[in-house]
C-alpha atoms as a PDB file:
ATOM      1  CA  UNK A   1       0.437   1.388  20.141  1.00  0.00           C
ATOM      2  CA  UNK A   2      -1.284   1.459  23.493  1.00  0.00           C
ATOM      3  CA  UNK A   3      -4.676   3.035  23.819  1.00  0.00           C
ATOM      4  CA  UNK A   4      -3.590   5.014  26.896  1.00  0.00           C
ATOM      5  CA  UNK A   5      -0.706   7.300  25.966  1.00  0.00           C
ATOM      6  CA  UNK A   6       1.420   9.507  28.211  1.00  0.00           C
ATOM      7  CA  UNK A   7       0.754  13.229  27.768  1.00  0.00           C
ATOM      8  CA  UNK A   8       4.212  14.123  26.347  1.00  0.00           C
ATOM      9  CA  UNK A   9       3.960  11.397  23.693  1.00  0.00           C
ATOM     10  CA  UNK A  10       0.450  12.512  22.801  1.00  0.00           C
ATOM     11  CA  UNK A  11       1.726  16.077  22.379  1.00  0.00           C
ATOM     12  CA  UNK A  12       4.521  14.909  20.080  1.00  0.00           C
ATOM     13  CA  UNK A  13       2.107  12.849  17.997  1.00  0.00           C
ATOM     14  CA  UNK A  14      -0.262  15.812  17.665  1.00  0.00           C
ATOM     15  CA  UNK A  15       2.573  18.080  16.543  1.00  0.00           C
ATOM     16  CA  UNK A  16       3.763  15.505  14.003  1.00  0.00           C
ATOM     17  CA  UNK A  17       0.218  15.175  12.650  1.00  0.00           C
ATOM     18  CA  UNK A  18       0.007  18.947  12.154  1.00  0.00           C
ATOM     19  CA  UNK A  19       3.413  19.090  10.439  1.00  0.00           C
ATOM     20  CA  UNK A  20       2.472  16.321   8.016  1.00  0.00           C
ATOM     21  CA  UNK A  21      -0.193  18.431   6.286  1.00  0.00           C
ATOM     22  CA  UNK A  22       0.163  19.663   2.728  1.00  0.00           C
ATOM     23  CA  UNK A  23       0.955  23.242   1.767  1.00  0.00           C
ATOM     24  CA  UNK A  24      -2.223  25.358   1.705  1.00  0.00           C
ATOM     25  CA  UNK A  25      -3.587  26.434  -1.678  1.00  0.00           C
ATOM     26  CA  UNK A  26      -3.378  30.108  -0.725  1.00  0.00           C
ATOM     27  CA  UNK A  27       0.391  29.734  -0.141  1.00  0.00           C
ATOM     28  CA  UNK A  28       0.806  28.282  -3.633  1.00  0.00           C
ATOM     29  CA  UNK A  29      -1.222  31.162  -5.060  1.00  0.00           C
ATOM     30  CA  UNK A  30       0.663  33.794  -3.066  1.00  0.00           C
ATOM     31  CA  UNK A  31       4.088  32.498  -4.161  1.00  0.00           C
ATOM     32  CA  UNK A  32       2.886  31.950  -7.748  1.00  0.00           C
ATOM     33  CA  UNK A  33       3.639  28.220  -7.566  1.00  0.00           C
ATOM     34  CA  UNK A  34       7.216  28.509  -6.303  1.00  0.00           C
ATOM     35  CA  UNK A  35       6.248  26.778  -3.054  1.00  0.00           C
ATOM     36  CA  UNK A  36       4.537  23.527  -3.981  1.00  0.00           C
ATOM     37  CA  UNK A  37       5.625  20.889  -1.491  1.00  0.00           C
ATOM     38  CA  UNK A  38       6.041  20.671   2.254  1.00  0.00           C
ATOM     39  CA  UNK A  39       9.625  19.584   2.954  1.00  0.00           C
ATOM     40  CA  UNK A  40       8.640  18.259   6.397  1.00  0.00           C
ATOM     41  CA  UNK A  41       5.881  16.044   4.976  1.00  0.00           C
ATOM     42  CA  UNK A  42       5.923  12.578   6.508  1.00  0.00           C
ATOM     43  CA  UNK A  43       4.008   9.407   5.724  1.00  0.00           C
ATOM     44  CA  UNK A  44       2.916   7.240   8.634  1.00  0.00           C
ATOM     45  CA  UNK A  45       3.999   4.076   6.780  1.00  0.00           C
ATOM     46  CA  UNK A  46       7.443   5.125   5.599  1.00  0.00           C
ATOM     47  CA  UNK A  47       8.886   7.192   8.428  1.00  0.00           C
ATOM     48  CA  UNK A  48       8.326   6.746  12.149  1.00  0.00           C
ATOM     49  CA  UNK A  49       8.649   9.458  14.753  1.00  0.00           C
ATOM     50  CA  UNK A  50      10.649   8.940  17.917  1.00  0.00           C
ATOM     51  CA  UNK A  51       8.467   7.903  20.883  1.00  0.00           C
END
């Protein structure tokens, strides 16, 4: 990908990076282990985001 990115694309990439994080430990503790995985988790190799 180009080094210089348009601002809207950069915003989308930043949002996707935030969404791809794991579920925090305190959430697992608060829900007593019922919430373990993030359903919106995305790997940069397997699934691309729309440009």
